Amino acid sequence: MPQLTNLTKSKAVRNTAIGIGVAVLVPVAVTFLAPYVRPAARSVVKAGLLALEKGKETAAELGEMMDDLVAEVRDELREEREAALAAMHRDTEDGPRGGA
């Protein structure tokens, strides 16, 4: 028995036993848990896809809002420039003011 006690104290033997145990138990655990894990995984993927779709919709709406805002600002700038040009034309048509 003293040799068995020495074997169980060896780190290499202990680690090998743990490795063999894991190699045997993992396939059994996967087979046992697969029916439960698959629906959970499907739910997670489904939730991810729904979130992705919602994100795309939100991004599209935000893009449309930005396009509208840019169009409004461009119209406003165009109107301001036209008003400034009209004012310049009026000033040049009136001629110099004052007399000599």
C-alpha atoms as a PDB file:
ATOM      1  CA  MET A   1       0.000   0.000   0.000  1.00  0.00           C
ATOM      2  CA  PRO A   2       2.823   2.471   0.510  1.00  0.00           C
ATOM      3  CA  GLN A   3       3.340   2.556  -3.259  1.00  0.00           C
ATOM      4  CA  LEU A   4      -0.329   3.512  -3.855  1.00  0.00           C
ATOM      5  CA  THR A   5       0.003   6.345  -1.375  1.00  0.00           C
ATOM      6  CA  ASN A   6       3.073   7.618  -3.211  1.00  0.00           C
ATOM      7  CA  LEU A   7       1.209   7.459  -6.545  1.00  0.00           C
ATOM      8  CA  THR A   8      -1.705   9.514  -5.256  1.00  0.00           C
ATOM      9  CA  LYS A   9       0.686  12.214  -4.005  1.00  0.00           C
ATOM     10  CA  SER A  10       2.333  12.574  -7.411  1.00  0.00           C
ATOM     11  CA  LYS A  11       1.087  15.629  -9.302  1.00  0.00           C
ATOM     12  CA  ALA A  12       1.575  13.940 -12.674  1.00  0.00           C
ATOM     13  CA  VAL A  13      -0.606  10.972 -11.702  1.00  0.00           C
ATOM     14  CA  ARG A  14      -3.241  13.242 -10.213  1.00  0.00           C
ATOM     15  CA  ASN A  15      -3.344  15.479 -13.285  1.00  0.00           C
ATOM     16  CA  THR A  16      -3.507  12.464 -15.588  1.00  0.00           C
ATOM     17  CA  ALA A  17      -6.432  11.052 -13.614  1.00  0.00           C
ATOM     18  CA  ILE A  18      -8.227  14.390 -13.810  1.00  0.00           C
ATOM     19  CA  GLY A  19      -7.623  14.529 -17.580  1.00  0.00           C
ATOM     20  CA  ILE A  20      -8.983  11.019 -18.092  1.00  0.00           C
ATOM     21  CA  GLY A  21     -12.005  11.826 -15.944  1.00  0.00           C
ATOM     22  CA  VAL A  22     -12.743  14.965 -17.938  1.00  0.00           C
ATOM     23  CA  ALA A  23     -12.288  13.088 -21.216  1.00  0.00           C
ATOM     24  CA  VAL A  24     -14.849  10.518 -20.109  1.00  0.00           C
ATOM     25  CA  LEU A  25     -17.345  12.891 -18.480  1.00  0.00           C
ATOM     26  CA  VAL A  26     -17.499  15.661 -21.094  1.00  0.00           C
ATOM     27  CA  PRO A  27     -19.061  13.535 -23.863  1.00  0.00           C
ATOM     28  CA  VAL A  28     -21.541  12.108 -21.369  1.00  0.00           C
ATOM     29  CA  ALA A  29     -22.405  15.568 -20.066  1.00  0.00           C
ATOM     30  CA  VAL A  30     -22.771  16.967 -23.592  1.00  0.00           C
ATOM     31  CA  THR A  31     -25.087  14.122 -24.579  1.00  0.00           C
ATOM     32  CA  PHE A  32     -27.144  14.623 -21.443  1.00  0.00           C
ATOM     33  CA  LEU A  33     -27.297  18.433 -21.623  1.00  0.00           C
ATOM     34  CA  ALA A  34     -27.735  18.850 -25.403  1.00  0.00           C
ATOM     35  CA  PRO A  35     -31.555  18.777 -25.327  1.00  0.00           C
ATOM     36  CA  TYR A  36     -31.526  21.574 -22.744  1.00  0.00           C
ATOM     37  CA  VAL A  37     -28.677  23.676 -24.107  1.00  0.00           C
ATOM     38  CA  ARG A  38     -29.889  23.782 -27.725  1.00  0.00           C
ATOM     39  CA  PRO A  39     -33.194  25.587 -26.969  1.00  0.00           C
ATOM     40  CA  ALA A  40     -31.340  28.062 -24.760  1.00  0.00           C
ATOM     41  CA  ALA A  41     -28.801  28.703 -27.506  1.00  0.00           C
ATOM     42  CA  ARG A  42     -31.609  29.163 -30.033  1.00  0.00           C
ATOM     43  CA  SER A  43     -33.255  31.702 -27.726  1.00  0.00           C
ATOM     44  CA  VAL A  44     -30.014  33.653 -27.391  1.00  0.00           C
ATOM     45  CA  VAL A  45     -29.477  33.694 -31.169  1.00  0.00           C
ATOM     46  CA  LYS A  46     -33.094  34.715 -31.734  1.00  0.00           C
ATOM     47  CA  ALA A  47     -32.807  37.591 -29.259  1.00  0.00           C
ATOM     48  CA  GLY A  48     -29.588  38.695 -30.940  1.00  0.00           C
ATOM     49  CA  LEU A  49     -31.208  38.724 -34.375  1.00  0.00           C
ATOM     50  CA  LEU A  50     -34.193  40.694 -33.097  1.00  0.00           C
ATOM     51  CA  ALA A  51     -31.866  43.239 -31.498  1.00  0.00           C
ATOM     52  CA  LEU A  52     -29.898  43.498 -34.751  1.00  0.00           C
ATOM     53  CA  GLU A  53     -33.070  44.128 -36.760  1.00  0.00           C
ATOM     54  CA  LYS A  54     -34.240  46.774 -34.292  1.00  0.00           C
ATOM     55  CA  GLY A  55     -30.831  48.418 -34.440  1.00  0.00           C
ATOM     56  CA  LYS A  56     -30.977  48.534 -38.236  1.00  0.00           C
ATOM     57  CA  GLU A  57     -34.438  50.116 -38.116  1.00  0.00           C
ATOM     58  CA  THR A  58     -33.295  52.705 -35.596  1.00  0.00           C
ATOM     59  CA  ALA A  59     -30.214  53.521 -37.661  1.00  0.00           C
ATOM     60  CA  ALA A  60     -32.354  53.927 -40.790  1.00  0.00           C
ATOM     61  CA  GLU A  61     -34.753  56.268 -38.982  1.00  0.00           C
ATOM     62  CA  LEU A  62     -31.856  58.289 -37.603  1.00  0.00           C
ATOM     63  CA  GLY A  63     -30.378  58.516 -41.104  1.00  0.00           C
ATOM     64  CA  GLU A  64     -33.668  59.808 -42.486  1.00  0.00           C
ATOM     65  CA  MET A  65     -33.898  62.400 -39.719  1.00  0.00           C
ATOM     66  CA  MET A  66     -30.363  63.577 -40.468  1.00  0.00           C
ATOM     67  CA  ASP A  67     -31.118  63.775 -44.200  1.00  0.00           C
ATOM     68  CA  ASP A  68     -34.187  65.906 -43.457  1.00  0.00           C
ATOM     69  CA  LEU A  69     -32.197  68.156 -41.138  1.00  0.00           C
ATOM     70  CA  VAL A  70     -29.417  68.631 -43.689  1.00  0.00           C
ATOM     71  CA  ALA A  71     -31.986  69.463 -46.386  1.00  0.00           C
ATOM     72  CA  GLU A  72     -33.623  72.061 -44.123  1.00  0.00           C
ATOM     73  CA  VAL A  73     -30.293  73.694 -43.320  1.00  0.00           C
ATOM     74  CA  ARG A  74     -29.320  73.783 -47.005  1.00  0.00           C
ATOM     75  CA  ASP A  75     -32.639  75.454 -47.860  1.00  0.00           C
ATOM     76  CA  GLU A  76     -32.115  77.967 -45.078  1.00  0.00           C
ATOM     77  CA  LEU A  77     -28.584  78.768 -46.267  1.00  0.00           C
ATOM     78  CA  ARG A  78     -29.782  79.129 -49.859  1.00  0.00           C
ATOM     79  CA  GLU A  79     -32.525  81.551 -48.783  1.00  0.00           C
ATOM     80  CA  GLU A  80     -30.050  83.598 -46.736  1.00  0.00           C
ATOM     81  CA  ARG A  81     -27.623  83.800 -49.668  1.00  0.00           C
ATOM     82  CA  GLU A  82     -30.409  84.810 -52.058  1.00  0.00           C
ATOM     83  CA  ALA A  83     -31.549  87.507 -49.635  1.00  0.00           C
ATOM     84  CA  ALA A  84     -27.980  88.794 -49.293  1.00  0.00           C
ATOM     85  CA  LEU A  85     -27.546  88.872 -53.093  1.00  0.00           C
ATOM     86  CA  ALA A  86     -30.874  90.670 -53.508  1.00  0.00           C
ATOM     87  CA  ALA A  87     -29.808  93.250 -50.948  1.00  0.00           C
ATOM     88  CA  MET A  88     -26.498  93.781 -52.763  1.00  0.00           C
ATOM     89  CA  HIS A  89     -28.313  94.235 -56.081  1.00  0.00           C
ATOM     90  CA  ARG A  90     -30.670  96.780 -54.556  1.00  0.00           C
ATOM     91  CA  ASP A  91     -27.729  98.713 -53.141  1.00  0.00           C
ATOM     92  CA  THR A  92     -25.930  98.775 -56.482  1.00  0.00           C
ATOM     93  CA  GLU A  93     -29.098  99.732 -58.421  1.00  0.00           C
ATOM     94  CA  ASP A  94     -29.854 102.627 -56.128  1.00  0.00           C
ATOM     95  CA  GLY A  95     -26.443 104.080 -56.778  1.00  0.00           C
ATOM     96  CA  PRO A  96     -24.357 106.074 -54.424  1.00  0.00           C
ATOM     97  CA  ARG A  97     -26.286 108.121 -51.956  1.00  0.00           C
ATOM     98  CA  GLY A  98     -25.535 111.587 -51.008  1.00  0.00           C
ATOM     99  CA  GLY A  99     -24.753 114.441 -53.241  1.00  0.00           C
ATOM    100  CA  ALA A 100     -21.845 116.417 -54.399  1.00  0.00           C
END
